[in-house]
PDB file of N, CA and C in Angstrom:
ATOM      1  N   ALA A   1      25.795   0.468  12.496  1.00  0.00           N
ATOM      2  CA  ALA A   1      25.989   0.699  11.306  1.00  0.00           C
ATOM      3  C   ALA A   1      26.651   1.402  10.429  1.00  0.00           C
ATOM      4  N   VAL A   2      27.256   1.552   9.478  1.00  0.00           N
ATOM      5  CA  VAL A   2      28.403   2.720   9.093  1.00  0.00           C
ATOM      6  C   VAL A   2      27.799   3.154   7.962  1.00  0.00           C
ATOM      7  N   ASN A   3      27.496   4.399   7.757  1.00  0.00           N
ATOM      8  CA  ASN A   3      27.476   5.807   7.174  1.00  0.00           C
ATOM      9  C   ASN A   3      28.030   5.701   5.770  1.00  0.00           C
ATOM     10  N   VAL A   4      27.684   5.811   4.792  1.00  0.00           N
ATOM     11  CA  VAL A   4      28.176   5.187   3.244  1.00  0.00           C
ATOM     12  C   VAL A   4      27.434   7.159   2.530  1.00  0.00           C
ATOM     13  N   THR A   5      28.482   8.068   2.414  1.00  0.00           N
ATOM     14  CA  THR A   5      28.771   9.301   1.764  1.00  0.00           C
ATOM     15  C   THR A   5      28.558   8.426  -0.100  1.00  0.00           C
ATOM     16  N   LEU A   6      27.832   8.565  -0.985  1.00  0.00           N
ATOM     17  CA  LEU A   6      27.957   8.620  -2.460  1.00  0.00           C
ATOM     18  C   LEU A   6      28.628   9.570  -3.707  1.00  0.00           C
ATOM     19  N   ASP A   7      29.598   8.338  -4.250  1.00  0.00           N
ATOM     20  CA  ASP A   7      30.630   9.604  -4.737  1.00  0.00           C
ATOM     21  C   ASP A   7      29.594   9.526  -6.558  1.00  0.00           C
ATOM     22  N   PRO A   8      29.478  11.150  -6.281  1.00  0.00           N
ATOM     23  CA  PRO A   8      29.189  11.494  -7.239  1.00  0.00           C
ATOM     24  C   PRO A   8      29.671  11.566  -8.824  1.00  0.00           C
ATOM     25  N   ASP A   9      30.872  10.698  -8.245  1.00  0.00           N
ATOM     26  CA  ASP A   9      31.954  10.778  -9.716  1.00  0.00           C
ATOM     27  C   ASP A   9      31.319   9.427  -9.967  1.00  0.00           C
ATOM     28  N   THR A  10      31.027   8.531  -9.397  1.00  0.00           N
ATOM     29  CA  THR A  10      31.060   7.206  -9.820  1.00  0.00           C
ATOM     30  C   THR A  10      29.626   7.019 -10.344  1.00  0.00           C
ATOM     31  N   ALA A  11      28.328   7.825 -10.176  1.00  0.00           N
ATOM     32  CA  ALA A  11      27.037   8.025  -9.824  1.00  0.00           C
ATOM     33  C   ALA A  11      26.720   7.954 -11.675  1.00  0.00           C
ATOM     34  N   GLN A  12      26.054   6.908 -12.595  1.00  0.00           N
ATOM     35  CA  GLN A  12      24.879   6.720 -13.562  1.00  0.00           C
ATOM     36  C   GLN A  12      24.652   8.370 -13.975  1.00  0.00           C
ATOM     37  N   SER A  13      24.686   8.559 -15.045  1.00  0.00           N
ATOM     38  CA  SER A  13      23.570   8.941 -16.046  1.00  0.00           C
ATOM     39  C   SER A  13      22.674   9.354 -15.190  1.00  0.00           C
ATOM     40  N   ARG A  14      22.081   8.579 -15.101  1.00  0.00           N
ATOM     41  CA  ARG A  14      20.093   8.322 -14.878  1.00  0.00           C
ATOM     42  C   ARG A  14      19.806   8.484 -13.171  1.00  0.00           C
ATOM     43  N   LEU A  15      21.190   8.444 -12.099  1.00  0.00           N
ATOM     44  CA  LEU A  15      20.919   8.078 -10.943  1.00  0.00           C
ATOM     45  C   LEU A  15      21.372   9.997 -10.086  1.00  0.00           C
ATOM     46  N   ILE A  16      19.680  10.031  -9.443  1.00  0.00           N
ATOM     47  CA  ILE A  16      19.447  11.137  -8.325  1.00  0.00           C
ATOM     48  C   ILE A  16      20.608  10.766  -7.165  1.00  0.00           C
ATOM     49  N   LEU A  17      21.226  11.657  -6.834  1.00  0.00           N
ATOM     50  CA  LEU A  17      21.628  11.463  -5.679  1.00  0.00           C
ATOM     51  C   LEU A  17      20.808  12.810  -4.734  1.00  0.00           C
ATOM     52  N   SER A  18      20.608  12.395  -2.859  1.00  0.00           N
ATOM     53  CA  SER A  18      20.853  13.640  -1.915  1.00  0.00           C
ATOM     54  C   SER A  18      21.578  14.044  -2.205  1.00  0.00           C
ATOM     55  N   GLU A  19      20.645  15.262  -1.412  1.00  0.00           N
ATOM     56  CA  GLU A  19      21.905  17.185  -1.740  1.00  0.00           C
ATOM     57  C   GLU A  19      22.850  17.163  -0.175  1.00  0.00           C
ATOM     58  N   ASP A  20      22.586  15.715   0.572  1.00  0.00           N
ATOM     59  CA  ASP A  20      24.400  14.746   1.820  1.00  0.00           C
ATOM     60  C   ASP A  20      24.052  13.670   0.955  1.00  0.00           C
ATOM     61  N   GLN A  21      24.310  13.369  -0.091  1.00  0.00           N
ATOM     62  CA  GLN A  21      25.140  12.580  -1.058  1.00  0.00           C
ATOM     63  C   GLN A  21      24.768  10.780   0.046  1.00  0.00           C
ATOM     64  N   SER A  22      23.648  10.799   0.687  1.00  0.00           N
ATOM     65  CA  SER A  22      23.108   9.685   1.752  1.00  0.00           C
ATOM     66  C   SER A  22      22.327   8.394   0.232  1.00  0.00           C
ATOM     67  N   SER A  23      21.692   8.977   0.260  1.00  0.00           N
ATOM     68  CA  SER A  23      20.875   8.239  -0.720  1.00  0.00           C
ATOM     69  C   SER A  23      20.213   8.667  -2.671  1.00  0.00           C
ATOM     70  N   VAL A  24      20.280   7.383  -3.116  1.00  0.00           N
ATOM     71  CA  VAL A  24      20.611   7.400  -4.290  1.00  0.00           C
ATOM     72  C   VAL A  24      18.717   6.214  -5.127  1.00  0.00           C
ATOM     73  N   MET A  25      17.721   7.366  -6.285  1.00  0.00           N
ATOM     74  CA  MET A  25      17.021   7.250  -6.867  1.00  0.00           C
ATOM     75  C   MET A  25      17.192   7.211  -8.152  1.00  0.00           C
ATOM     76  N   GLN A  26      16.112   5.854  -8.836  1.00  0.00           N
ATOM     77  CA  GLN A  26      16.693   6.186 -10.888  1.00  0.00           C
ATOM     78  C   GLN A  26      16.100   7.503 -10.947  1.00  0.00           C
ATOM     79  N   GLY A  27      16.182   7.984 -12.461  1.00  0.00           N
ATOM     80  CA  GLY A  27      15.444   8.768 -12.267  1.00  0.00           C
ATOM     81  C   GLY A  27      14.913   8.922 -13.429  1.00  0.00           C
ATOM     82  N   ALA A  28      14.448   9.016 -14.975  1.00  0.00           N
ATOM     83  CA  ALA A  28      13.462   8.858 -15.601  1.00  0.00           C
ATOM     84  C   ALA A  28      14.716   9.230 -16.767  1.00  0.00           C
ATOM     85  N   THR A  29      15.289  10.671 -16.639  1.00  0.00           N
ATOM     86  CA  THR A  29      15.937  11.143 -17.720  1.00  0.00           C
ATOM     87  C   THR A  29      17.550  11.320 -16.930  1.00  0.00           C
ATOM     88  N   GLN A  30      18.393  11.419 -18.102  1.00  0.00           N
ATOM     89  CA  GLN A  30      20.056  11.639 -17.537  1.00  0.00           C
ATOM     90  C   GLN A  30      19.954  13.001 -17.177  1.00  0.00           C
ATOM     91  N   GLN A  31      21.073  12.886 -15.793  1.00  0.00           N
ATOM     92  CA  GLN A  31      21.257  14.060 -15.421  1.00  0.00           C
ATOM     93  C   GLN A  31      22.234  15.119 -15.768  1.00  0.00           C
ATOM     94  N   SER A  32      22.123  16.150 -15.769  1.00  0.00           N
ATOM     95  CA  SER A  32      23.651  17.213 -16.178  1.00  0.00           C
ATOM     96  C   SER A  32      25.142  16.731 -15.442  1.00  0.00           C
ATOM     97  N   ARG A  33      25.502  15.735 -16.033  1.00  0.00           N
ATOM     98  CA  ARG A  33      27.154  15.652 -15.094  1.00  0.00           C
ATOM     99  C   ARG A  33      28.193  15.392 -16.067  1.00  0.00           C
ATOM    100  N   PRO A  34      28.832  16.072 -16.184  1.00  0.00           N
ATOM    101  CA  PRO A  34      30.350  16.430 -16.640  1.00  0.00           C
ATOM    102  C   PRO A  34      30.654  14.396 -16.727  1.00  0.00           C
ATOM    103  N   ASP A  35      31.313  14.653 -18.116  1.00  0.00           N
ATOM    104  CA  ASP A  35      31.824  13.110 -17.628  1.00  0.00           C
ATOM    105  C   ASP A  35      32.835  12.623 -16.984  1.00  0.00           C
ATOM    106  N   HIS A  36      33.182  11.257 -16.272  1.00  0.00           N
ATOM    107  CA  HIS A  36      33.962  10.977 -15.613  1.00  0.00           C
ATOM    108  C   HIS A  36      34.423   9.852 -15.826  1.00  0.00           C
ATOM    109  N   PRO A  37      36.020   9.344 -15.440  1.00  0.00           N
ATOM    110  CA  PRO A  37      36.197   8.266 -15.920  1.00  0.00           C
ATOM    111  C   PRO A  37      36.138   6.874 -14.698  1.00  0.00           C
ATOM    112  N   GLU A  38      35.386   7.531 -14.071  1.00  0.00           N
ATOM    113  CA  GLU A  38      35.160   6.883 -12.955  1.00  0.00           C
ATOM    114  C   GLU A  38      33.980   5.926 -12.737  1.00  0.00           C
ATOM    115  N   ARG A  39      32.727   7.095 -13.815  1.00  0.00           N
ATOM    116  CA  ARG A  39      31.345   7.100 -13.565  1.00  0.00           C
ATOM    117  C   ARG A  39      31.080   5.445 -14.648  1.00  0.00           C
ATOM    118  N   PHE A  40      29.848   4.854 -13.989  1.00  0.00           N
ATOM    119  CA  PHE A  40      29.462   3.921 -14.560  1.00  0.00           C
ATOM    120  C   PHE A  40      28.757   4.115 -15.439  1.00  0.00           C
ATOM    121  N   ASP A  41      28.654   3.370 -16.446  1.00  0.00           N
ATOM    122  CA  ASP A  41      27.949   4.156 -17.793  1.00  0.00           C
ATOM    123  C   ASP A  41      28.025   2.229 -18.154  1.00  0.00           C
ATOM    124  N   PRO A  42      26.295   2.043 -19.119  1.00  0.00           N
ATOM    125  CA  PRO A  42      25.143   2.447 -19.258  1.00  0.00           C
ATOM    126  C   PRO A  42      24.581   1.675 -17.392  1.00  0.00           C
ATOM    127  N   TRP A  43      24.853   0.761 -16.883  1.00  0.00           N
ATOM    128  CA  TRP A  43      24.470   0.237 -15.549  1.00  0.00           C
ATOM    129  C   TRP A  43      24.306   1.430 -15.081  1.00  0.00           C
ATOM    130  N   PRO A  44      23.221   1.078 -14.226  1.00  0.00           N
ATOM    131  CA  PRO A  44      22.599   2.707 -12.990  1.00  0.00           C
ATOM    132  C   PRO A  44      24.153   1.685 -11.425  1.00  0.00           C
ATOM    133  N   CYS A  45      24.448   2.463 -11.310  1.00  0.00           N
ATOM    134  CA  CYS A  45      25.448   2.436 -10.124  1.00  0.00           C
ATOM    135  C   CYS A  45      25.534   3.240  -9.444  1.00  0.00           C
ATOM    136  N   VAL A  46      26.709   3.249  -8.486  1.00  0.00           N
ATOM    137  CA  VAL A  46      27.464   4.220  -7.796  1.00  0.00           C
ATOM    138  C   VAL A  46      27.671   3.679  -6.707  1.00  0.00           C
ATOM    139  N   LEU A  47      29.037   4.140  -6.645  1.00  0.00           N
ATOM    140  CA  LEU A  47      29.915   3.935  -5.498  1.00  0.00           C
ATOM    141  C   LEU A  47      29.968   4.711  -4.138  1.00  0.00           C
ATOM    142  N   GLY A  48      30.049   4.182  -2.948  1.00  0.00           N
ATOM    143  CA  GLY A  48      30.223   5.085  -1.608  1.00  0.00           C
ATOM    144  C   GLY A  48      31.767   5.848  -1.587  1.00  0.00           C
ATOM    145  N   CYS A  49      31.641   6.642  -1.492  1.00  0.00           N
ATOM    146  CA  CYS A  49      33.664   7.171  -0.982  1.00  0.00           C
ATOM    147  C   CYS A  49      34.309   6.354  -0.085  1.00  0.00           C
ATOM    148  N   GLU A  50      34.241   5.612   0.737  1.00  0.00           N
ATOM    149  CA  GLU A  50      34.431   5.362   1.834  1.00  0.00           C
ATOM    150  C   GLU A  50      35.192   4.138   1.158  1.00  0.00           C
ATOM    151  N   VAL A  51      35.944   3.298   1.810  1.00  0.00           N
ATOM    152  CA  VAL A  51      37.064   2.462   2.001  1.00  0.00           C
ATOM    153  C   VAL A  51      37.485   1.238   2.514  1.00  0.00           C
ATOM    154  N   PHE A  52      36.715  -0.198   2.076  1.00  0.00           N
ATOM    155  CA  PHE A  52      37.004  -0.222   3.601  1.00  0.00           C
ATOM    156  C   PHE A  52      38.064  -1.548   2.705  1.00  0.00           C
ATOM    157  N   ASN A  53      38.939  -2.256   3.848  1.00  0.00           N
ATOM    158  CA  ASN A  53      39.855  -3.045   3.366  1.00  0.00           C
ATOM    159  C   ASN A  53      39.666  -4.667   4.281  1.00  0.00           C
ATOM    160  N   SER A  54      39.005  -4.105   5.472  1.00  0.00           N
ATOM    161  CA  SER A  54      38.808  -5.144   6.111  1.00  0.00           C
ATOM    162  C   SER A  54      38.142  -5.125   7.519  1.00  0.00           C
ATOM    163  N   GLY A  55      37.467  -6.201   8.177  1.00  0.00           N
ATOM    164  CA  GLY A  55      36.843  -6.098   9.165  1.00  0.00           C
ATOM    165  C   GLY A  55      34.862  -6.422   8.821  1.00  0.00           C
ATOM    166  N   ARG A  56      34.310  -6.357   9.713  1.00  0.00           N
ATOM    167  CA  ARG A  56      33.108  -6.440   9.648  1.00  0.00           C
ATOM    168  C   ARG A  56      32.276  -5.366   9.447  1.00  0.00           C
ATOM    169  N   LEU A  57      31.780  -5.170   8.930  1.00  0.00           N
ATOM    170  CA  LEU A  57      30.016  -3.996   8.744  1.00  0.00           C
ATOM    171  C   LEU A  57      29.464  -4.246   8.420  1.00  0.00           C
ATOM    172  N   CYS A  58      28.027  -3.458   8.458  1.00  0.00           N
ATOM    173  CA  CYS A  58      26.399  -3.591   8.310  1.00  0.00           C
ATOM    174  C   CYS A  58      25.894  -2.190   7.915  1.00  0.00           C
ATOM    175  N   TRP A  59      25.131  -2.316   7.047  1.00  0.00           N
ATOM    176  CA  TRP A  59      24.648  -0.847   6.516  1.00  0.00           C
ATOM    177  C   TRP A  59      23.324  -1.172   6.645  1.00  0.00           C
ATOM    178  N   GLU A  60      22.605  -0.613   6.840  1.00  0.00           N
ATOM    179  CA  GLU A  60      21.059  -0.229   7.276  1.00  0.00           C
ATOM    180  C   GLU A  60      20.028   0.571   6.164  1.00  0.00           C
ATOM    181  N   VAL A  61      19.424   0.177   5.019  1.00  0.00           N
ATOM    182  CA  VAL A  61      18.979   0.050   3.973  1.00  0.00           C
ATOM    183  C   VAL A  61      17.436  -0.165   4.219  1.00  0.00           C
ATOM    184  N   GLU A  62      17.094   1.204   3.077  1.00  0.00           N
ATOM    185  CA  GLU A  62      15.878   1.520   3.323  1.00  0.00           C
ATOM    186  C   GLU A  62      15.240   1.407   1.774  1.00  0.00           C
ATOM    187  N   VAL A  63      14.135   0.717   1.184  1.00  0.00           N
ATOM    188  CA  VAL A  63      13.888   0.747  -0.136  1.00  0.00           C
ATOM    189  C   VAL A  63      12.926   0.782  -0.236  1.00  0.00           C
ATOM    190  N   VAL A  64      12.250   2.182  -0.349  1.00  0.00           N
ATOM    191  CA  VAL A  64      11.230   3.520  -0.515  1.00  0.00           C
ATOM    192  C   VAL A  64      10.473   2.466  -1.566  1.00  0.00           C
ATOM    193  N   CYS A  65      10.760   2.395  -2.825  1.00  0.00           N
ATOM    194  CA  CYS A  65      10.026   1.717  -3.490  1.00  0.00           C
ATOM    195  C   CYS A  65      10.810   1.370  -4.683  1.00  0.00           C
ATOM    196  N   GLY A  66      10.585   0.606  -5.874  1.00  0.00           N
ATOM    197  CA  GLY A  66      10.588  -0.712  -6.526  1.00  0.00           C
ATOM    198  C   GLY A  66      11.020  -1.605  -6.380  1.00  0.00           C
ATOM    199  N   SER A  67      10.840  -2.746  -7.649  1.00  0.00           N
ATOM    200  CA  SER A  67      10.749  -4.471  -7.584  1.00  0.00           C
ATOM    201  C   SER A  67      12.393  -4.637  -8.613  1.00  0.00           C
ATOM    202  N   CYS A  68      13.487  -3.421  -8.362  1.00  0.00           N
ATOM    203  CA  CYS A  68      14.670  -4.301  -9.017  1.00  0.00           C
ATOM    204  C   CYS A  68      15.800  -3.083  -7.772  1.00  0.00           C
ATOM    205  N   TRP A  69      16.614  -4.101  -7.485  1.00  0.00           N
ATOM    206  CA  TRP A  69      17.233  -3.154  -6.916  1.00  0.00           C
ATOM    207  C   TRP A  69      18.747  -4.156  -6.445  1.00  0.00           C
ATOM    208  N   ALA A  70      19.506  -3.531  -5.986  1.00  0.00           N
ATOM    209  CA  ALA A  70      20.806  -3.473  -5.301  1.00  0.00           C
ATOM    210  C   ALA A  70      21.629  -3.826  -4.577  1.00  0.00           C
ATOM    211  N   VAL A  71      22.234  -3.650  -3.397  1.00  0.00           N
ATOM    212  CA  VAL A  71      22.611  -2.960  -2.543  1.00  0.00           C
ATOM    213  C   VAL A  71      23.923  -3.922  -2.178  1.00  0.00           C
ATOM    214  N   GLY A  72      25.265  -3.838  -2.315  1.00  0.00           N
ATOM    215  CA  GLY A  72      27.031  -4.836  -1.616  1.00  0.00           C
ATOM    216  C   GLY A  72      27.901  -3.760  -1.592  1.00  0.00           C
ATOM    217  N   VAL A  73      28.556  -4.221  -1.531  1.00  0.00           N
ATOM    218  CA  VAL A  73      30.588  -3.437  -1.813  1.00  0.00           C
ATOM    219  C   VAL A  73      30.874  -4.600  -3.700  1.00  0.00           C
ATOM    220  N   ALA A  74      31.826  -4.045  -3.483  1.00  0.00           N
ATOM    221  CA  ALA A  74      32.598  -3.709  -4.822  1.00  0.00           C
ATOM    222  C   ALA A  74      34.381  -4.201  -5.090  1.00  0.00           C
ATOM    223  N   LEU A  75      34.650  -3.937  -5.420  1.00  0.00           N
ATOM    224  CA  LEU A  75      36.062  -3.409  -5.839  1.00  0.00           C
ATOM    225  C   LEU A  75      36.419  -2.712  -6.191  1.00  0.00           C
ATOM    226  N   ALA A  76      37.320  -1.575  -5.873  1.00  0.00           N
ATOM    227  CA  ALA A  76      37.214  -0.541  -6.283  1.00  0.00           C
ATOM    228  C   ALA A  76      38.333  -0.716  -7.900  1.00  0.00           C
ATOM    229  N   SER A  77      38.607  -1.645  -8.533  1.00  0.00           N
ATOM    230  CA  SER A  77      38.905  -1.862  -9.791  1.00  0.00           C
ATOM    231  C   SER A  77      37.877  -2.745  -9.944  1.00  0.00           C
ATOM    232  N   VAL A  78      36.281  -2.455 -10.176  1.00  0.00           N
ATOM    233  CA  VAL A  78      34.984  -2.875 -10.599  1.00  0.00           C
ATOM    234  C   VAL A  78      34.869  -2.098 -11.781  1.00  0.00           C
ATOM    235  N   SER A  79      34.878  -2.880 -12.791  1.00  0.00           N
ATOM    236  CA  SER A  79      34.753  -2.844 -14.607  1.00  0.00           C
ATOM    237  C   SER A  79      33.448  -1.555 -14.505  1.00  0.00           C
ATOM    238  N   ARG A  80      33.501  -0.245 -15.050  1.00  0.00           N
ATOM    239  CA  ARG A  80      32.234   0.617 -14.434  1.00  0.00           C
ATOM    240  C   ARG A  80      31.874   0.980 -16.085  1.00  0.00           C
ATOM    241  N   LYS A  81      32.622   0.580 -17.645  1.00  0.00           N
ATOM    242  CA  LYS A  81      32.353   0.668 -19.065  1.00  0.00           C
ATOM    243  C   LYS A  81      31.537   0.293 -19.609  1.00  0.00           C
ATOM    244  N   GLY A  82      30.432  -0.408 -19.670  1.00  0.00           N
ATOM    245  CA  GLY A  82      29.734  -1.621 -21.098  1.00  0.00           C
ATOM    246  C   GLY A  82      29.536  -2.671 -20.031  1.00  0.00           C
ATOM    247  N   PRO A  83      29.645  -3.659 -20.452  1.00  0.00           N
ATOM    248  CA  PRO A  83      29.460  -5.139 -19.600  1.00  0.00           C
ATOM    249  C   PRO A  83      29.695  -4.896 -18.192  1.00  0.00           C
ATOM    250  N   ILE A  84      28.758  -5.347 -17.610  1.00  0.00           N
ATOM    251  CA  ILE A  84      29.422  -5.598 -15.979  1.00  0.00           C
ATOM    252  C   ILE A  84      29.202  -6.854 -15.349  1.00  0.00           C
ATOM    253  N   VAL A  85      29.384  -7.672 -14.864  1.00  0.00           N
ATOM    254  CA  VAL A  85      30.227  -8.846 -14.098  1.00  0.00           C
ATOM    255  C   VAL A  85      29.086  -8.941 -13.011  1.00  0.00           C
ATOM    256  N   MET A  86      27.712  -9.576 -12.809  1.00  0.00           N
ATOM    257  CA  MET A  86      26.735  -8.477 -11.512  1.00  0.00           C
ATOM    258  C   MET A  86      26.919  -9.288 -10.295  1.00  0.00           C
ATOM    259  N   SER A  87      28.273 -10.053 -10.491  1.00  0.00           N
ATOM    260  CA  SER A  87      28.802 -11.233  -9.558  1.00  0.00           C
ATOM    261  C   SER A  87      30.396 -11.078  -8.872  1.00  0.00           C
ATOM    262  N   PRO A  88      30.602 -12.156  -7.583  1.00  0.00           N
ATOM    263  CA  PRO A  88      31.777 -11.487  -7.691  1.00  0.00           C
ATOM    264  C   PRO A  88      32.725 -12.168  -8.422  1.00  0.00           C
ATOM    265  N   LEU A  89      32.722 -13.000  -9.365  1.00  0.00           N
ATOM    266  CA  LEU A  89      34.018 -12.728 -10.873  1.00  0.00           C
ATOM    267  C   LEU A  89      33.306 -11.622 -11.148  1.00  0.00           C
ATOM    268  N   GLY A  90      32.736 -10.812 -11.478  1.00  0.00           N
ATOM    269  CA  GLY A  90      33.542  -9.379 -11.069  1.00  0.00           C
ATOM    270  C   GLY A  90      33.571  -8.617 -10.628  1.00  0.00           C
ATOM    271  N   GLY A  91      33.725  -8.406  -8.972  1.00  0.00           N
ATOM    272  CA  GLY A  91      34.281  -7.364  -8.370  1.00  0.00           C
ATOM    273  C   GLY A  91      33.097  -6.973  -7.474  1.00  0.00           C
ATOM    274  N   ILE A  92      31.700  -7.559  -8.009  1.00  0.00           N
ATOM    275  CA  ILE A  92      31.119  -7.352  -7.098  1.00  0.00           C
ATOM    276  C   ILE A  92      29.791  -8.302  -5.765  1.00  0.00           C
ATOM    277  N   TRP A  93      29.653  -8.071  -4.486  1.00  0.00           N
ATOM    278  CA  TRP A  93      29.241  -8.802  -4.144  1.00  0.00           C
ATOM    279  C   TRP A  93      27.849  -8.314  -3.419  1.00  0.00           C
ATOM    280  N   ALA A  94      27.020  -8.917  -3.283  1.00  0.00           N
ATOM    281  CA  ALA A  94      25.751  -8.137  -3.473  1.00  0.00           C
ATOM    282  C   ALA A  94      24.111  -8.781  -2.854  1.00  0.00           C
ATOM    283  N   VAL A  95      23.011  -8.425  -2.932  1.00  0.00           N
ATOM    284  CA  VAL A  95      22.006  -9.098  -2.436  1.00  0.00           C
ATOM    285  C   VAL A  95      21.401  -7.860  -3.010  1.00  0.00           C
ATOM    286  N   GLY A  96      20.491  -7.994  -3.135  1.00  0.00           N
ATOM    287  CA  GLY A  96      18.858  -7.069  -4.201  1.00  0.00           C
ATOM    288  C   GLY A  96      17.649  -8.343  -4.183  1.00  0.00           C
ATOM    289  N   GLN A  97      16.878  -7.325  -4.621  1.00  0.00           N
ATOM    290  CA  GLN A  97      15.069  -7.448  -5.489  1.00  0.00           C
ATOM    291  C   GLN A  97      15.163  -7.486  -7.121  1.00  0.00           C
ATOM    292  N   TYR A  98      15.093  -8.852  -7.711  1.00  0.00           N
ATOM    293  CA  TYR A  98      14.601  -8.345  -8.731  1.00  0.00           C
ATOM    294  C   TYR A  98      13.026  -8.947  -9.481  1.00  0.00           C
ATOM    295  N   LYS A  99      11.958  -8.290  -9.237  1.00  0.00           N
ATOM    296  CA  LYS A  99      10.631  -8.671  -9.685  1.00  0.00           C
ATOM    297  C   LYS A  99      10.194  -8.580  -8.261  1.00  0.00           C
ATOM    298  N   GLU A 100       9.497 -10.004  -7.909  1.00  0.00           N
ATOM    299  CA  GLU A 100       9.341 -10.465  -6.703  1.00  0.00           C
ATOM    300  C   GLU A 100      10.142 -11.345  -5.931  1.00  0.00           C
ATOM    301  N   LYS A 101      11.284 -11.386  -6.679  1.00  0.00           N
ATOM    302  CA  LYS A 101      12.232 -12.419  -5.890  1.00  0.00           C
ATOM    303  C   LYS A 101      13.706 -12.054  -5.453  1.00  0.00           C
ATOM    304  N   PHE A 102      13.934 -12.291  -3.867  1.00  0.00           N
ATOM    305  CA  PHE A 102      14.802 -11.564  -3.474  1.00  0.00           C
ATOM    306  C   PHE A 102      15.766 -12.617  -3.886  1.00  0.00           C
ATOM    307  N   GLN A 103      17.406 -11.662  -3.560  1.00  0.00           N
ATOM    308  CA  GLN A 103      19.005 -12.708  -3.965  1.00  0.00           C
ATOM    309  C   GLN A 103      19.091 -12.554  -3.981  1.00  0.00           C
ATOM    310  N   ALA A 104      20.952 -12.634  -3.487  1.00  0.00           N
ATOM    311  CA  ALA A 104      22.104 -12.633  -3.420  1.00  0.00           C
ATOM    312  C   ALA A 104      22.430 -13.063  -5.408  1.00  0.00           C
ATOM    313  N   LEU A 105      23.743 -11.738  -5.201  1.00  0.00           N
ATOM    314  CA  LEU A 105      24.524 -11.516  -6.737  1.00  0.00           C
ATOM    315  C   LEU A 105      25.428 -12.987  -7.462  1.00  0.00           C
ATOM    316  N   THR A 106      25.438 -14.140  -6.896  1.00  0.00           N
ATOM    317  CA  THR A 106      26.468 -14.906  -7.235  1.00  0.00           C
ATOM    318  C   THR A 106      27.324 -15.436  -8.248  1.00  0.00           C
ATOM    319  N   SER A 107      27.995 -16.334  -8.687  1.00  0.00           N
ATOM    320  CA  SER A 107      29.049 -16.835  -9.239  1.00  0.00           C
ATOM    321  C   SER A 107      28.718 -18.463  -8.941  1.00  0.00           C
ATOM    322  N   PRO A 108      27.942 -19.567  -9.799  1.00  0.00           N
ATOM    323  CA  PRO A 108      27.493 -18.637 -11.455  1.00  0.00           C
ATOM    324  C   PRO A 108      26.528 -18.230 -10.944  1.00  0.00           C
ATOM    325  N   VAL A 109      25.360 -17.143 -11.837  1.00  0.00           N
ATOM    326  CA  VAL A 109      24.141 -16.700 -11.885  1.00  0.00           C
ATOM    327  C   VAL A 109      23.162 -18.001 -11.633  1.00  0.00           C
ATOM    328  N   PRO A 110      21.766 -18.272 -11.099  1.00  0.00           N
ATOM    329  CA  PRO A 110      21.720 -19.050 -10.515  1.00  0.00           C
ATOM    330  C   PRO A 110      20.317 -18.527 -11.833  1.00  0.00           C
ATOM    331  N   THR A 111      20.234 -19.965 -12.390  1.00  0.00           N
ATOM    332  CA  THR A 111      18.703 -20.275 -13.077  1.00  0.00           C
ATOM    333  C   THR A 111      17.469 -20.291 -13.035  1.00  0.00           C
TER     334      THR A 111
END
């Protein structure tokens, strides 16, 4: 598995990163962080510091609690401000859980 270091400059203001920047959780209030052009707003997203251009990679992910989460990869050029298309059309390839349903974020969005 690949270790990913989360990039605090991209973390949306309600996300709390662990001290070693290897895990994230959503807080109830905004964190005190300077504004940064790479930061996601308003979506609760964070990118990893590592850049991958090719190859086959895997991650081990542990979801401790919550019924709404996603994990995946994104293009470096992914939109970070305002509306985000959470699918390959928007430069995001991910899987996750929404309420009781596990799903892939796909194009077009399943109905």
